[in-house]
Amino acid sequence: MIHQIVVSQFSKMLTNLSAILDKAATYAEPKKIDMDVLLNARLAPDQFNLLRQIQIACDTANLGAARLIGKEAAAQTFPDDEKTVDEIKARIASTIAILQKLTPADFAESATRRISQPRWQGKSLSGEEFLIQHAVPNFYFHITTAYAILRHNGVDVGKKDYLGAMPYKE
């Protein structure tokens, strides 16, 4: 189940975010809105801008997966230097590609693996706790905030854009 959440769901939501960015670019062009304005928009003065929200969502998916499979030291990192829609979409695509290489076997011991981060000052969580209590909420926080920034700035996106395709059955 951890593989399905990390790989399938994180990939799906990042794909949805990429599509939302396409809608933002389509919205901005005829209105002569510089995409820099949207990429640097924020909901509150003390919150990160759209670009940083997306970078953190990608890092949460990528580094979260690496921590869960015990390969944090080998995880690909990004320099956080994206400045355009194409660059941030490439970051999203790279993150999805990293996730898609992971197999259920990679996550075999992830539920019980102890996970820590420097800012936790020596404390740790089990992999299951890390996923449920930290990675998933943090990932969705940044995806939702990115969505809200664009919505707040007039981009015509709704819940269907956020949720994406659903696996409905007849």
N, C-alpha and C. Protein backbone atom coordinates (compact mmCIF):
# COMPACT_ATOMS: atom_id res chain seq x y z
N MET A 1 0.81 -1.19 0.00
CA MET A 1 0.00 0.00 0.00
C MET A 1 0.86 1.27 0.00
N ILE A 2 2.01 1.23 0.66
CA ILE A 2 2.88 2.41 0.71
C ILE A 2 3.34 2.76 -0.70
N HIS A 3 3.71 1.76 -1.49
CA HIS A 3 4.11 2.00 -2.87
C HIS A 3 2.99 2.70 -3.63
N GLN A 4 1.78 2.21 -3.48
CA GLN A 4 0.65 2.78 -4.21
C GLN A 4 0.42 4.24 -3.83
N ILE A 5 0.52 4.56 -2.56
CA ILE A 5 0.33 5.94 -2.12
C ILE A 5 1.46 6.82 -2.65
N VAL A 6 2.68 6.39 -2.44
CA VAL A 6 3.83 7.22 -2.81
C VAL A 6 3.96 7.36 -4.32
N VAL A 7 3.96 6.24 -5.00
CA VAL A 7 4.21 6.29 -6.45
C VAL A 7 2.95 6.70 -7.21
N SER A 8 1.88 5.99 -7.03
CA SER A 8 0.68 6.26 -7.83
C SER A 8 0.04 7.60 -7.49
N GLN A 9 -0.22 7.84 -6.24
CA GLN A 9 -0.94 9.05 -5.86
C GLN A 9 -0.10 10.30 -6.00
N PHE A 10 1.16 10.25 -5.56
CA PHE A 10 2.01 11.43 -5.72
C PHE A 10 2.21 11.74 -7.21
N SER A 11 2.41 10.71 -8.03
CA SER A 11 2.57 10.93 -9.48
C SER A 11 1.31 11.54 -10.08
N LYS A 12 0.16 11.02 -9.68
CA LYS A 12 -1.10 11.55 -10.20
C LYS A 12 -1.26 13.02 -9.85
N MET A 13 -1.03 13.37 -8.61
CA MET A 13 -1.22 14.76 -8.18
C MET A 13 -0.20 15.69 -8.83
N LEU A 14 1.02 15.23 -9.04
CA LEU A 14 2.01 16.05 -9.73
C LEU A 14 1.61 16.23 -11.19
N THR A 15 1.06 15.20 -11.80
CA THR A 15 0.56 15.31 -13.17
C THR A 15 -0.57 16.32 -13.24
N ASN A 16 -1.48 16.27 -12.27
CA ASN A 16 -2.58 17.25 -12.21
C ASN A 16 -2.03 18.66 -12.06
N LEU A 17 -1.01 18.81 -11.22
CA LEU A 17 -0.41 20.13 -11.01
C LEU A 17 0.21 20.65 -12.30
N SER A 18 0.85 19.79 -13.05
CA SER A 18 1.42 20.19 -14.34
C SER A 18 0.33 20.66 -15.29
N ALA A 19 -0.79 19.96 -15.31
CA ALA A 19 -1.92 20.36 -16.16
C ALA A 19 -2.50 21.70 -15.70
N ILE A 20 -2.52 21.93 -14.41
CA ILE A 20 -3.00 23.20 -13.87
C ILE A 20 -2.07 24.34 -14.29
N LEU A 21 -0.78 24.06 -14.33
CA LEU A 21 0.17 25.07 -14.80
C LEU A 21 -0.06 25.39 -16.28
N ASP A 22 -0.43 24.38 -17.07
CA ASP A 22 -0.78 24.63 -18.47
C ASP A 22 -1.97 25.57 -18.56
N LYS A 23 -2.95 25.34 -17.70
CA LYS A 23 -4.13 26.21 -17.68
C LYS A 23 -3.73 27.64 -17.28
N ALA A 24 -2.79 27.75 -16.38
CA ALA A 24 -2.33 29.08 -15.96
C ALA A 24 -1.67 29.81 -17.13
N ALA A 25 -0.85 29.10 -17.88
CA ALA A 25 -0.18 29.72 -19.04
C ALA A 25 -1.21 30.12 -20.09
N THR A 26 -2.19 29.27 -20.31
CA THR A 26 -3.26 29.57 -21.27
C THR A 26 -4.07 30.78 -20.81
N TYR A 27 -4.31 30.89 -19.53
CA TYR A 27 -5.04 32.01 -18.95
C TYR A 27 -4.24 33.31 -19.10
N ALA A 28 -2.95 33.26 -18.84
CA ALA A 28 -2.12 34.46 -18.80
C ALA A 28 -1.88 35.07 -20.19
N GLU A 29 -1.73 34.23 -21.18
CA GLU A 29 -1.34 34.73 -22.50
C GLU A 29 -2.29 35.78 -23.08
N PRO A 30 -3.58 35.50 -23.24
CA PRO A 30 -4.45 36.52 -23.86
C PRO A 30 -4.66 37.76 -22.98
N LYS A 31 -4.46 37.60 -21.68
CA LYS A 31 -4.64 38.73 -20.77
C LYS A 31 -3.34 39.54 -20.62
N LYS A 32 -2.31 39.09 -21.32
CA LYS A 32 -1.00 39.78 -21.27
C LYS A 32 -0.44 39.83 -19.84
N ILE A 33 -0.69 38.76 -19.09
CA ILE A 33 -0.14 38.64 -17.74
C ILE A 33 1.22 37.95 -17.86
N ASP A 34 2.23 38.58 -17.34
CA ASP A 34 3.56 37.98 -17.32
C ASP A 34 3.53 36.78 -16.38
N MET A 35 3.93 35.61 -16.86
CA MET A 35 3.91 34.40 -16.02
C MET A 35 4.78 34.55 -14.78
N ASP A 36 5.76 35.43 -14.84
CA ASP A 36 6.57 35.71 -13.64
C ASP A 36 5.70 36.18 -12.49
N VAL A 37 4.68 36.95 -12.82
CA VAL A 37 3.78 37.46 -11.79
C VAL A 37 3.09 36.29 -11.10
N LEU A 38 2.57 35.34 -11.88
CA LEU A 38 1.90 34.18 -11.28
C LEU A 38 2.89 33.27 -10.56
N LEU A 39 4.05 33.03 -11.14
CA LEU A 39 5.02 32.14 -10.52
C LEU A 39 5.56 32.68 -9.19
N ASN A 40 5.50 33.99 -9.05
CA ASN A 40 5.98 34.61 -7.81
C ASN A 40 4.86 35.03 -6.87
N ALA A 41 3.62 34.71 -7.26
CA ALA A 41 2.47 35.06 -6.42
C ALA A 41 2.46 34.18 -5.18
N ARG A 42 1.86 34.72 -4.13
CA ARG A 42 1.71 34.00 -2.87
C ARG A 42 0.37 34.38 -2.26
N LEU A 43 -0.12 33.55 -1.37
CA LEU A 43 -1.40 33.85 -0.72
C LEU A 43 -1.26 34.82 0.44
N ALA A 44 -0.13 34.79 1.08
CA ALA A 44 0.11 35.66 2.24
C ALA A 44 1.57 36.09 2.22
N PRO A 45 1.87 37.25 2.77
CA PRO A 45 3.25 37.75 2.74
C PRO A 45 4.28 36.80 3.35
N ASP A 46 3.86 35.99 4.32
CA ASP A 46 4.82 35.11 4.97
C ASP A 46 4.79 33.68 4.42
N GLN A 47 4.12 33.48 3.29
CA GLN A 47 4.11 32.17 2.66
C GLN A 47 5.02 32.16 1.45
N PHE A 48 5.45 30.96 1.06
CA PHE A 48 6.26 30.82 -0.15
C PHE A 48 5.44 31.11 -1.39
N ASN A 49 6.12 31.51 -2.45
CA ASN A 49 5.45 31.78 -3.72
C ASN A 49 5.14 30.46 -4.45
N LEU A 50 4.45 30.58 -5.58
CA LEU A 50 4.03 29.42 -6.34
C LEU A 50 5.20 28.52 -6.71
N LEU A 51 6.28 29.09 -7.23
CA LEU A 51 7.43 28.26 -7.60
C LEU A 51 7.93 27.43 -6.42
N ARG A 52 8.08 28.06 -5.29
CA ARG A 52 8.61 27.35 -4.11
C ARG A 52 7.63 26.29 -3.62
N GLN A 53 6.34 26.56 -3.71
CA GLN A 53 5.35 25.55 -3.32
C GLN A 53 5.52 24.29 -4.18
N ILE A 54 5.73 24.48 -5.48
CA ILE A 54 5.88 23.35 -6.38
C ILE A 54 7.20 22.62 -6.12
N GLN A 55 8.26 23.37 -5.89
CA GLN A 55 9.55 22.75 -5.58
C GLN A 55 9.44 21.88 -4.33
N ILE A 56 8.77 22.39 -3.31
CA ILE A 56 8.64 21.63 -2.06
C ILE A 56 7.75 20.40 -2.26
N ALA A 57 6.69 20.53 -3.04
CA ALA A 57 5.85 19.36 -3.33
C ALA A 57 6.68 18.28 -4.03
N CYS A 58 7.48 18.68 -4.99
CA CYS A 58 8.35 17.71 -5.69
C CYS A 58 9.35 17.09 -4.72
N ASP A 59 9.98 17.92 -3.89
CA ASP A 59 10.94 17.40 -2.92
C ASP A 59 10.29 16.45 -1.92
N THR A 60 9.09 16.78 -1.49
CA THR A 60 8.39 15.92 -0.54
C THR A 60 8.14 14.55 -1.14
N ALA A 61 7.73 14.51 -2.41
CA ALA A 61 7.50 13.24 -3.08
C ALA A 61 8.81 12.49 -3.28
N ASN A 62 9.79 13.16 -3.82
CA ASN A 62 11.07 12.55 -4.15
C ASN A 62 11.84 12.10 -2.91
N LEU A 63 12.07 13.03 -2.01
CA LEU A 63 12.86 12.71 -0.81
C LEU A 63 12.08 11.84 0.17
N GLY A 64 10.76 12.03 0.20
CA GLY A 64 9.94 11.15 1.03
C GLY A 64 10.05 9.71 0.59
N ALA A 65 9.98 9.48 -0.71
CA ALA A 65 10.14 8.12 -1.24
C ALA A 65 11.53 7.58 -0.92
N ALA A 66 12.55 8.40 -1.12
CA ALA A 66 13.92 7.96 -0.86
C ALA A 66 14.11 7.59 0.62
N ARG A 67 13.54 8.37 1.50
CA ARG A 67 13.64 8.05 2.94
C ARG A 67 12.92 6.73 3.25
N LEU A 68 11.76 6.56 2.65
CA LEU A 68 10.98 5.34 2.92
C LEU A 68 11.68 4.09 2.42
N ILE A 69 12.42 4.18 1.33
CA ILE A 69 13.10 2.98 0.81
C ILE A 69 14.55 2.88 1.31
N GLY A 70 14.95 3.81 2.18
CA GLY A 70 16.28 3.73 2.77
C GLY A 70 17.39 4.19 1.85
N LYS A 71 17.10 5.07 0.89
CA LYS A 71 18.11 5.53 -0.07
C LYS A 71 18.18 7.05 -0.13
N GLU A 72 18.00 7.67 1.00
CA GLU A 72 18.01 9.14 1.03
C GLU A 72 19.34 9.71 0.53
N ALA A 73 20.44 9.09 0.92
CA ALA A 73 21.76 9.60 0.54
C ALA A 73 21.97 9.57 -0.98
N ALA A 74 21.30 8.66 -1.67
CA ALA A 74 21.45 8.53 -3.12
C ALA A 74 20.36 9.27 -3.90
N ALA A 75 19.47 9.93 -3.20
CA ALA A 75 18.35 10.59 -3.87
C ALA A 75 18.82 11.73 -4.76
N GLN A 76 18.18 11.84 -5.90
CA GLN A 76 18.47 12.97 -6.78
C GLN A 76 17.92 14.24 -6.13
N THR A 77 18.73 15.28 -6.12
CA THR A 77 18.27 16.55 -5.59
C THR A 77 18.29 17.58 -6.71
N PHE A 78 17.57 18.65 -6.50
CA PHE A 78 17.44 19.69 -7.50
C PHE A 78 17.92 21.01 -6.91
N PRO A 79 18.50 21.90 -7.74
CA PRO A 79 19.06 23.15 -7.20
C PRO A 79 18.04 24.25 -6.90
N ASP A 80 16.76 24.03 -7.12
CA ASP A 80 15.72 25.03 -6.84
C ASP A 80 15.99 26.34 -7.60
N ASP A 81 16.36 26.21 -8.87
CA ASP A 81 16.66 27.41 -9.65
C ASP A 81 15.68 27.64 -10.80
N GLU A 82 14.53 26.97 -10.75
CA GLU A 82 13.55 27.14 -11.81
C GLU A 82 12.99 28.56 -11.78
N LYS A 83 12.79 29.10 -12.99
CA LYS A 83 12.27 30.47 -13.09
C LYS A 83 11.11 30.57 -14.09
N THR A 84 10.86 29.53 -14.87
CA THR A 84 9.82 29.58 -15.89
C THR A 84 8.86 28.40 -15.72
N VAL A 85 7.72 28.49 -16.39
CA VAL A 85 6.76 27.39 -16.36
C VAL A 85 7.40 26.13 -16.93
N ASP A 86 8.12 26.27 -18.04
CA ASP A 86 8.75 25.09 -18.64
C ASP A 86 9.76 24.45 -17.69
N GLU A 87 10.51 25.26 -16.98
CA GLU A 87 11.50 24.72 -16.05
C GLU A 87 10.83 24.01 -14.87
N ILE A 88 9.77 24.60 -14.33
CA ILE A 88 9.12 23.95 -13.18
C ILE A 88 8.35 22.72 -13.63
N LYS A 89 7.82 22.74 -14.85
CA LYS A 89 7.16 21.54 -15.38
C LYS A 89 8.18 20.43 -15.62
N ALA A 90 9.40 20.79 -16.02
CA ALA A 90 10.46 19.79 -16.18
C ALA A 90 10.81 19.17 -14.82
N ARG A 91 10.81 19.99 -13.78
CA ARG A 91 11.07 19.50 -12.42
C ARG A 91 9.98 18.51 -12.00
N ILE A 92 8.73 18.85 -12.29
CA ILE A 92 7.63 17.94 -11.98
C ILE A 92 7.80 16.63 -12.75
N ALA A 93 8.10 16.73 -14.04
CA ALA A 93 8.28 15.53 -14.87
C ALA A 93 9.43 14.67 -14.36
N SER A 94 10.52 15.29 -13.95
CA SER A 94 11.66 14.54 -13.41
C SER A 94 11.28 13.83 -12.13
N THR A 95 10.51 14.50 -11.29
CA THR A 95 10.07 13.89 -10.03
C THR A 95 9.19 12.68 -10.31
N ILE A 96 8.26 12.83 -11.24
CA ILE A 96 7.39 11.70 -11.60
C ILE A 96 8.22 10.55 -12.15
N ALA A 97 9.21 10.84 -12.98
CA ALA A 97 10.07 9.79 -13.54
C ALA A 97 10.83 9.05 -12.44
N ILE A 98 11.29 9.78 -11.44
CA ILE A 98 11.98 9.16 -10.30
C ILE A 98 11.02 8.21 -9.58
N LEU A 99 9.82 8.67 -9.32
CA LEU A 99 8.82 7.85 -8.62
C LEU A 99 8.46 6.60 -9.42
N GLN A 100 8.30 6.77 -10.72
CA GLN A 100 7.86 5.66 -11.56
C GLN A 100 8.88 4.52 -11.64
N LYS A 101 10.11 4.78 -11.31
CA LYS A 101 11.14 3.73 -11.31
C LYS A 101 11.07 2.83 -10.08
N LEU A 102 10.32 3.25 -9.07
CA LEU A 102 10.25 2.50 -7.82
C LEU A 102 9.23 1.37 -7.93
N THR A 103 9.56 0.25 -7.33
CA THR A 103 8.70 -0.93 -7.37
C THR A 103 8.14 -1.22 -5.98
N PRO A 104 7.08 -2.03 -5.91
CA PRO A 104 6.58 -2.41 -4.58
C PRO A 104 7.67 -3.05 -3.71
N ALA A 105 8.56 -3.80 -4.32
CA ALA A 105 9.64 -4.45 -3.56
C ALA A 105 10.55 -3.42 -2.89
N ASP A 106 10.72 -2.26 -3.52
CA ASP A 106 11.55 -1.21 -2.92
C ASP A 106 11.01 -0.76 -1.57
N PHE A 107 9.70 -0.88 -1.39
CA PHE A 107 9.03 -0.41 -0.18
C PHE A 107 8.78 -1.53 0.84
N ALA A 108 9.35 -2.71 0.62
CA ALA A 108 9.06 -3.88 1.45
C ALA A 108 9.25 -3.64 2.94
N GLU A 109 10.28 -2.92 3.33
CA GLU A 109 10.56 -2.69 4.75
C GLU A 109 10.26 -1.26 5.18
N SER A 110 9.59 -0.52 4.34
CA SER A 110 9.43 0.91 4.62
C SER A 110 8.52 1.22 5.80
N ALA A 111 7.54 0.39 6.08
CA ALA A 111 6.60 0.68 7.18
C ALA A 111 7.31 0.75 8.53
N THR A 112 8.32 -0.09 8.73
CA THR A 112 8.99 -0.15 10.03
C THR A 112 10.34 0.57 10.05
N ARG A 113 10.82 1.01 8.91
CA ARG A 113 12.10 1.72 8.85
C ARG A 113 12.00 2.99 9.71
N ARG A 114 13.03 3.28 10.47
CA ARG A 114 13.07 4.50 11.28
C ARG A 114 13.54 5.65 10.39
N ILE A 115 12.81 6.73 10.42
CA ILE A 115 13.11 7.89 9.57
C ILE A 115 13.27 9.11 10.46
N SER A 116 14.34 9.85 10.18
CA SER A 116 14.61 11.07 10.92
C SER A 116 15.06 12.13 9.93
N GLN A 117 15.03 13.36 10.36
CA GLN A 117 15.53 14.49 9.59
C GLN A 117 16.29 15.38 10.56
N PRO A 118 17.29 16.11 10.07
CA PRO A 118 18.09 16.96 10.98
C PRO A 118 17.24 17.89 11.85
N ARG A 119 16.21 18.47 11.29
CA ARG A 119 15.42 19.42 12.08
C ARG A 119 14.57 18.75 13.16
N TRP A 120 14.55 17.42 13.17
CA TRP A 120 13.79 16.70 14.20
C TRP A 120 14.64 16.46 15.45
N GLN A 121 15.85 16.94 15.47
CA GLN A 121 16.75 16.91 16.62
C GLN A 121 16.87 15.53 17.25
N GLY A 122 17.18 14.53 16.42
CA GLY A 122 17.41 13.18 16.91
C GLY A 122 16.18 12.32 17.08
N LYS A 123 15.01 12.88 16.90
CA LYS A 123 13.77 12.10 16.99
C LYS A 123 13.51 11.42 15.66
N SER A 124 12.68 10.37 15.71
CA SER A 124 12.38 9.65 14.47
C SER A 124 10.93 9.17 14.47
N LEU A 125 10.50 8.74 13.31
CA LEU A 125 9.19 8.14 13.12
C LEU A 125 9.37 6.82 12.39
N SER A 126 8.44 5.91 12.55
CA SER A 126 8.46 4.72 11.70
C SER A 126 8.10 5.19 10.29
N GLY A 127 8.40 4.40 9.30
CA GLY A 127 8.06 4.75 7.93
C GLY A 127 6.58 4.99 7.75
N GLU A 128 5.78 4.15 8.39
CA GLU A 128 4.33 4.32 8.29
C GLU A 128 3.90 5.65 8.92
N GLU A 129 4.44 5.95 10.09
CA GLU A 129 4.12 7.23 10.74
C GLU A 129 4.60 8.40 9.89
N PHE A 130 5.81 8.27 9.36
CA PHE A 130 6.36 9.33 8.51
C PHE A 130 5.46 9.59 7.31
N LEU A 131 5.01 8.54 6.66
CA LEU A 131 4.15 8.70 5.49
C LEU A 131 2.82 9.35 5.87
N ILE A 132 2.16 8.81 6.89
CA ILE A 132 0.82 9.27 7.27
C ILE A 132 0.85 10.63 7.95
N GLN A 133 1.81 10.84 8.85
CA GLN A 133 1.83 12.05 9.67
C GLN A 133 2.61 13.21 9.05
N HIS A 134 3.53 12.91 8.14
CA HIS A 134 4.38 13.97 7.61
C HIS A 134 4.33 14.08 6.08
N ALA A 135 4.75 13.05 5.37
CA ALA A 135 4.91 13.15 3.92
C ALA A 135 3.60 13.46 3.20
N VAL A 136 2.56 12.69 3.47
CA VAL A 136 1.29 12.91 2.77
C VAL A 136 0.70 14.30 3.10
N PRO A 137 0.57 14.67 4.37
CA PRO A 137 0.01 16.01 4.64
C PRO A 137 0.87 17.13 4.06
N ASN A 138 2.18 17.03 4.16
CA ASN A 138 3.07 18.07 3.63
C ASN A 138 2.94 18.17 2.11
N PHE A 139 2.91 17.03 1.44
CA PHE A 139 2.75 17.00 -0.02
C PHE A 139 1.46 17.70 -0.43
N TYR A 140 0.36 17.30 0.19
CA TYR A 140 -0.94 17.89 -0.17
C TYR A 140 -1.03 19.36 0.21
N PHE A 141 -0.40 19.76 1.29
CA PHE A 141 -0.40 21.16 1.67
C PHE A 141 0.19 22.01 0.54
N HIS A 142 1.34 21.59 0.01
CA HIS A 142 2.01 22.39 -1.01
C HIS A 142 1.30 22.30 -2.37
N ILE A 143 0.74 21.16 -2.71
CA ILE A 143 -0.04 21.04 -3.95
C ILE A 143 -1.28 21.93 -3.83
N THR A 144 -1.98 21.86 -2.71
CA THR A 144 -3.18 22.66 -2.52
C THR A 144 -2.87 24.14 -2.52
N THR A 145 -1.79 24.53 -1.89
CA THR A 145 -1.42 25.94 -1.86
C THR A 145 -1.07 26.44 -3.25
N ALA A 146 -0.37 25.64 -4.03
CA ALA A 146 -0.07 26.02 -5.42
C ALA A 146 -1.37 26.22 -6.20
N TYR A 147 -2.29 25.28 -6.06
CA TYR A 147 -3.60 25.38 -6.70
C TYR A 147 -4.31 26.66 -6.25
N ALA A 148 -4.31 26.92 -4.95
CA ALA A 148 -5.02 28.08 -4.40
C ALA A 148 -4.40 29.39 -4.88
N ILE A 149 -3.10 29.45 -5.02
CA ILE A 149 -2.45 30.66 -5.53
C ILE A 149 -2.96 30.97 -6.93
N LEU A 150 -3.00 29.94 -7.77
CA LEU A 150 -3.47 30.17 -9.14
C LEU A 150 -4.95 30.51 -9.17
N ARG A 151 -5.73 29.81 -8.39
CA ARG A 151 -7.17 30.08 -8.32
C ARG A 151 -7.42 31.51 -7.82
N HIS A 152 -6.68 31.90 -6.80
CA HIS A 152 -6.81 33.24 -6.23
C HIS A 152 -6.47 34.32 -7.27
N ASN A 153 -5.58 34.00 -8.20
CA ASN A 153 -5.17 34.96 -9.22
C ASN A 153 -6.00 34.87 -10.50
N GLY A 154 -7.13 34.16 -10.42
CA GLY A 154 -8.07 34.17 -11.53
C GLY A 154 -7.98 33.03 -12.51
N VAL A 155 -7.04 32.13 -12.33
CA VAL A 155 -6.93 31.00 -13.26
C VAL A 155 -8.16 30.13 -13.08
N ASP A 156 -8.78 29.77 -14.19
CA ASP A 156 -10.03 29.01 -14.18
C ASP A 156 -9.75 27.53 -13.93
N VAL A 157 -9.55 27.20 -12.67
CA VAL A 157 -9.34 25.81 -12.27
C VAL A 157 -10.36 25.47 -11.19
N GLY A 158 -10.71 24.20 -11.14
CA GLY A 158 -11.68 23.76 -10.15
C GLY A 158 -11.29 22.42 -9.57
N LYS A 159 -12.20 21.86 -8.81
CA LYS A 159 -11.92 20.61 -8.11
C LYS A 159 -11.54 19.48 -9.07
N LYS A 160 -12.18 19.43 -10.24
CA LYS A 160 -11.86 18.38 -11.21
C LYS A 160 -10.42 18.49 -11.70
N ASP A 161 -9.92 19.72 -11.83
CA ASP A 161 -8.52 19.91 -12.21
C ASP A 161 -7.59 19.42 -11.10
N TYR A 162 -7.96 19.72 -9.88
CA TYR A 162 -7.16 19.32 -8.73
C TYR A 162 -7.15 17.79 -8.57
N LEU A 163 -8.33 17.19 -8.63
CA LEU A 163 -8.44 15.74 -8.43
C LEU A 163 -7.97 14.93 -9.63
N GLY A 164 -8.15 15.46 -10.83
CA GLY A 164 -7.76 14.74 -12.04
C GLY A 164 -8.71 13.59 -12.33
N ALA A 165 -8.28 12.74 -13.23
CA ALA A 165 -9.10 11.60 -13.66
C ALA A 165 -9.33 10.65 -12.49
N MET A 166 -10.52 10.12 -12.44
CA MET A 166 -10.90 9.17 -11.38
C MET A 166 -11.09 7.80 -12.00
N PRO A 167 -10.76 6.74 -11.29
CA PRO A 167 -10.91 5.38 -11.84
C PRO A 167 -12.32 4.82 -11.67
N TYR A 168 -13.30 5.59 -12.16
CA TYR A 168 -14.70 5.16 -12.03
C TYR A 168 -14.92 3.82 -12.76
N LYS A 169 -15.83 3.05 -12.23
CA LYS A 169 -16.23 1.77 -12.84
C LYS A 169 -17.71 1.84 -13.16
N GLU A 170 -18.11 1.22 -14.24
CA GLU A 170 -19.53 1.15 -14.60
C GLU A 170 -20.19 0.04 -13.82
